[in-house]
Amino acid sequence: MTKIIYSGNRFPPEIIHQAAWLYLQFSLSFRDVEDLLAERGIVILLHGASETRAGACAVSTK
């Protein structure tokens, strides 16, 4: 099994892994994943689809 490299990403590997796992495991929407992570103190702000593709994302942890 190859190791996944997260270099060059805006988010820490733990957040990427958790969000991807939630999205795939439970067939959730991006909004659902955003809400679940927010409940755990991880705030991910995704602004409109066109801005998101341009990289307008922010993350903060409490």
N, C-alpha and C. Protein backbone atom coordinates (compact mmCIF):
# COMPACT_ATOMS: atom_id res chain seq x y z
N MET A 1 0.85 -1.17 0.00
CA MET A 1 0.00 0.00 0.00
C MET A 1 0.90 1.24 0.00
N THR A 2 0.58 2.20 -0.86
CA THR A 2 1.38 3.42 -0.94
C THR A 2 0.88 4.44 0.07
N LYS A 3 1.81 5.22 0.58
CA LYS A 3 1.47 6.26 1.54
C LYS A 3 0.92 7.47 0.80
N ILE A 4 -0.16 8.03 1.32
CA ILE A 4 -0.76 9.21 0.71
C ILE A 4 0.04 10.44 1.14
N ILE A 5 0.41 11.25 0.18
CA ILE A 5 1.19 12.46 0.46
C ILE A 5 0.26 13.66 0.41
N TYR A 6 0.23 14.43 1.48
CA TYR A 6 -0.66 15.59 1.56
C TYR A 6 0.09 16.90 1.36
N SER A 7 1.33 16.87 0.91
CA SER A 7 2.08 18.11 0.75
C SER A 7 1.41 19.01 -0.27
N GLY A 8 1.46 20.28 0.01
CA GLY A 8 0.86 21.25 -0.89
C GLY A 8 -0.61 21.50 -0.66
N ASN A 9 -1.20 20.82 0.31
CA ASN A 9 -2.61 21.03 0.63
C ASN A 9 -2.76 22.07 1.72
N ARG A 10 -3.89 22.72 1.72
CA ARG A 10 -4.17 23.78 2.67
C ARG A 10 -4.50 23.25 4.06
N PHE A 11 -5.03 22.03 4.13
CA PHE A 11 -5.49 21.47 5.39
C PHE A 11 -4.52 20.42 5.92
N PRO A 12 -4.46 20.26 7.25
CA PRO A 12 -3.62 19.21 7.82
C PRO A 12 -4.10 17.82 7.38
N PRO A 13 -3.20 16.85 7.28
CA PRO A 13 -3.58 15.51 6.83
C PRO A 13 -4.70 14.88 7.65
N GLU A 14 -4.73 15.12 8.96
CA GLU A 14 -5.77 14.53 9.80
C GLU A 14 -7.17 15.01 9.40
N ILE A 15 -7.28 16.28 9.06
CA ILE A 15 -8.58 16.85 8.67
C ILE A 15 -8.99 16.32 7.30
N ILE A 16 -8.05 16.24 6.38
CA ILE A 16 -8.36 15.70 5.05
C ILE A 16 -8.82 14.25 5.16
N HIS A 17 -8.10 13.47 5.96
CA HIS A 17 -8.44 12.06 6.13
C HIS A 17 -9.83 11.90 6.75
N GLN A 18 -10.11 12.64 7.81
CA GLN A 18 -11.42 12.55 8.48
C GLN A 18 -12.55 12.96 7.54
N ALA A 19 -12.37 14.07 6.83
CA ALA A 19 -13.42 14.54 5.92
C ALA A 19 -13.66 13.54 4.79
N ALA A 20 -12.60 13.00 4.22
CA ALA A 20 -12.75 12.02 3.14
C ALA A 20 -13.42 10.76 3.65
N TRP A 21 -13.04 10.31 4.84
CA TRP A 21 -13.63 9.11 5.43
C TRP A 21 -15.13 9.31 5.66
N LEU A 22 -15.51 10.44 6.25
CA LEU A 22 -16.93 10.72 6.49
C LEU A 22 -17.71 10.76 5.17
N TYR A 23 -17.15 11.46 4.19
CA TYR A 23 -17.81 11.63 2.90
C TYR A 23 -18.05 10.29 2.21
N LEU A 24 -17.04 9.43 2.22
CA LEU A 24 -17.14 8.16 1.50
C LEU A 24 -17.86 7.08 2.29
N GLN A 25 -17.61 7.00 3.59
CA GLN A 25 -18.18 5.95 4.41
C GLN A 25 -19.70 6.06 4.51
N PHE A 26 -20.20 7.28 4.64
CA PHE A 26 -21.63 7.48 4.89
C PHE A 26 -22.37 8.15 3.74
N SER A 27 -21.73 8.31 2.59
CA SER A 27 -22.35 8.96 1.42
C SER A 27 -22.97 10.30 1.79
N LEU A 28 -22.17 11.13 2.43
CA LEU A 28 -22.63 12.44 2.89
C LEU A 28 -22.34 13.51 1.84
N SER A 29 -23.07 14.61 1.93
CA SER A 29 -22.79 15.76 1.08
C SER A 29 -21.65 16.56 1.72
N PHE A 30 -21.07 17.47 0.96
CA PHE A 30 -20.02 18.32 1.50
C PHE A 30 -20.54 19.13 2.68
N ARG A 31 -21.78 19.59 2.58
CA ARG A 31 -22.40 20.37 3.67
C ARG A 31 -22.51 19.52 4.94
N ASP A 32 -22.91 18.24 4.79
CA ASP A 32 -23.01 17.35 5.95
C ASP A 32 -21.64 17.15 6.60
N VAL A 33 -20.61 16.96 5.79
CA VAL A 33 -19.26 16.78 6.32
C VAL A 33 -18.82 18.05 7.03
N GLU A 34 -19.11 19.19 6.43
CA GLU A 34 -18.76 20.47 7.04
C GLU A 34 -19.43 20.61 8.41
N ASP A 35 -20.71 20.24 8.52
CA ASP A 35 -21.43 20.31 9.79
C ASP A 35 -20.86 19.36 10.84
N LEU A 36 -20.55 18.13 10.42
CA LEU A 36 -19.99 17.16 11.36
C LEU A 36 -18.62 17.59 11.88
N LEU A 37 -17.79 18.13 11.01
CA LEU A 37 -16.49 18.61 11.46
C LEU A 37 -16.64 19.83 12.37
N ALA A 38 -17.62 20.69 12.09
CA ALA A 38 -17.86 21.86 12.93
C ALA A 38 -18.25 21.44 14.35
N GLU A 39 -19.02 20.35 14.46
CA GLU A 39 -19.38 19.84 15.79
C GLU A 39 -18.16 19.39 16.57
N ARG A 40 -17.09 19.05 15.88
CA ARG A 40 -15.86 18.60 16.53
C ARG A 40 -14.85 19.74 16.67
N GLY A 41 -15.29 20.96 16.39
CA GLY A 41 -14.42 22.12 16.56
C GLY A 41 -13.55 22.44 15.37
N ILE A 42 -13.82 21.83 14.23
CA ILE A 42 -13.05 22.10 13.02
C ILE A 42 -13.97 22.85 12.06
N VAL A 43 -13.65 24.11 11.82
CA VAL A 43 -14.49 24.94 10.98
C VAL A 43 -13.85 25.06 9.61
N ILE A 44 -14.55 24.59 8.59
CA ILE A 44 -14.09 24.68 7.21
C ILE A 44 -15.09 25.56 6.48
N LEU A 45 -14.61 26.62 5.91
CA LEU A 45 -15.48 27.54 5.19
C LEU A 45 -15.31 27.32 3.69
N LEU A 46 -16.36 26.90 3.04
CA LEU A 46 -16.35 26.74 1.59
C LEU A 46 -17.28 27.79 1.00
N HIS A 47 -16.73 28.66 0.22
CA HIS A 47 -17.53 29.70 -0.42
C HIS A 47 -17.89 29.22 -1.81
N GLY A 48 -19.03 29.46 -2.33
CA GLY A 48 -19.51 29.06 -3.64
C GLY A 48 -18.62 28.12 -4.44
N ALA A 49 -19.20 27.35 -5.30
CA ALA A 49 -18.48 26.33 -6.05
C ALA A 49 -17.36 26.92 -6.90
N SER A 50 -17.62 28.04 -7.57
CA SER A 50 -16.58 28.61 -8.43
C SER A 50 -15.40 29.12 -7.62
N GLU A 51 -15.66 29.70 -6.45
CA GLU A 51 -14.59 30.18 -5.60
C GLU A 51 -13.82 29.01 -4.99
N THR A 52 -14.54 27.93 -4.67
CA THR A 52 -13.88 26.77 -4.08
C THR A 52 -12.88 26.18 -5.06
N ARG A 53 -13.24 26.11 -6.33
CA ARG A 53 -12.30 25.60 -7.33
C ARG A 53 -11.08 26.50 -7.44
N ALA A 54 -11.28 27.78 -7.16
CA ALA A 54 -10.16 28.71 -7.23
C ALA A 54 -9.31 28.65 -5.96
N GLY A 55 -9.76 27.88 -4.97
CA GLY A 55 -8.96 27.69 -3.76
C GLY A 55 -9.36 28.57 -2.60
N ALA A 56 -10.58 29.12 -2.62
CA ALA A 56 -11.02 30.00 -1.55
C ALA A 56 -11.59 29.18 -0.39
N CYS A 57 -10.73 28.53 0.36
CA CYS A 57 -11.13 27.71 1.49
C CYS A 57 -10.36 28.17 2.71
N ALA A 58 -10.95 28.03 3.86
CA ALA A 58 -10.27 28.37 5.11
C ALA A 58 -10.60 27.32 6.13
N VAL A 59 -9.71 27.12 7.05
CA VAL A 59 -9.94 26.17 8.12
C VAL A 59 -9.42 26.77 9.43
N SER A 60 -10.11 26.51 10.49
CA SER A 60 -9.62 26.90 11.81
C SER A 60 -10.05 25.85 12.80
N THR A 61 -9.24 25.66 13.82
CA THR A 61 -9.61 24.72 14.87
C THR A 61 -9.70 25.50 16.16
N LYS A 62 -10.63 25.08 17.00
CA LYS A 62 -10.81 25.78 18.28
C LYS A 62 -9.95 25.14 19.35
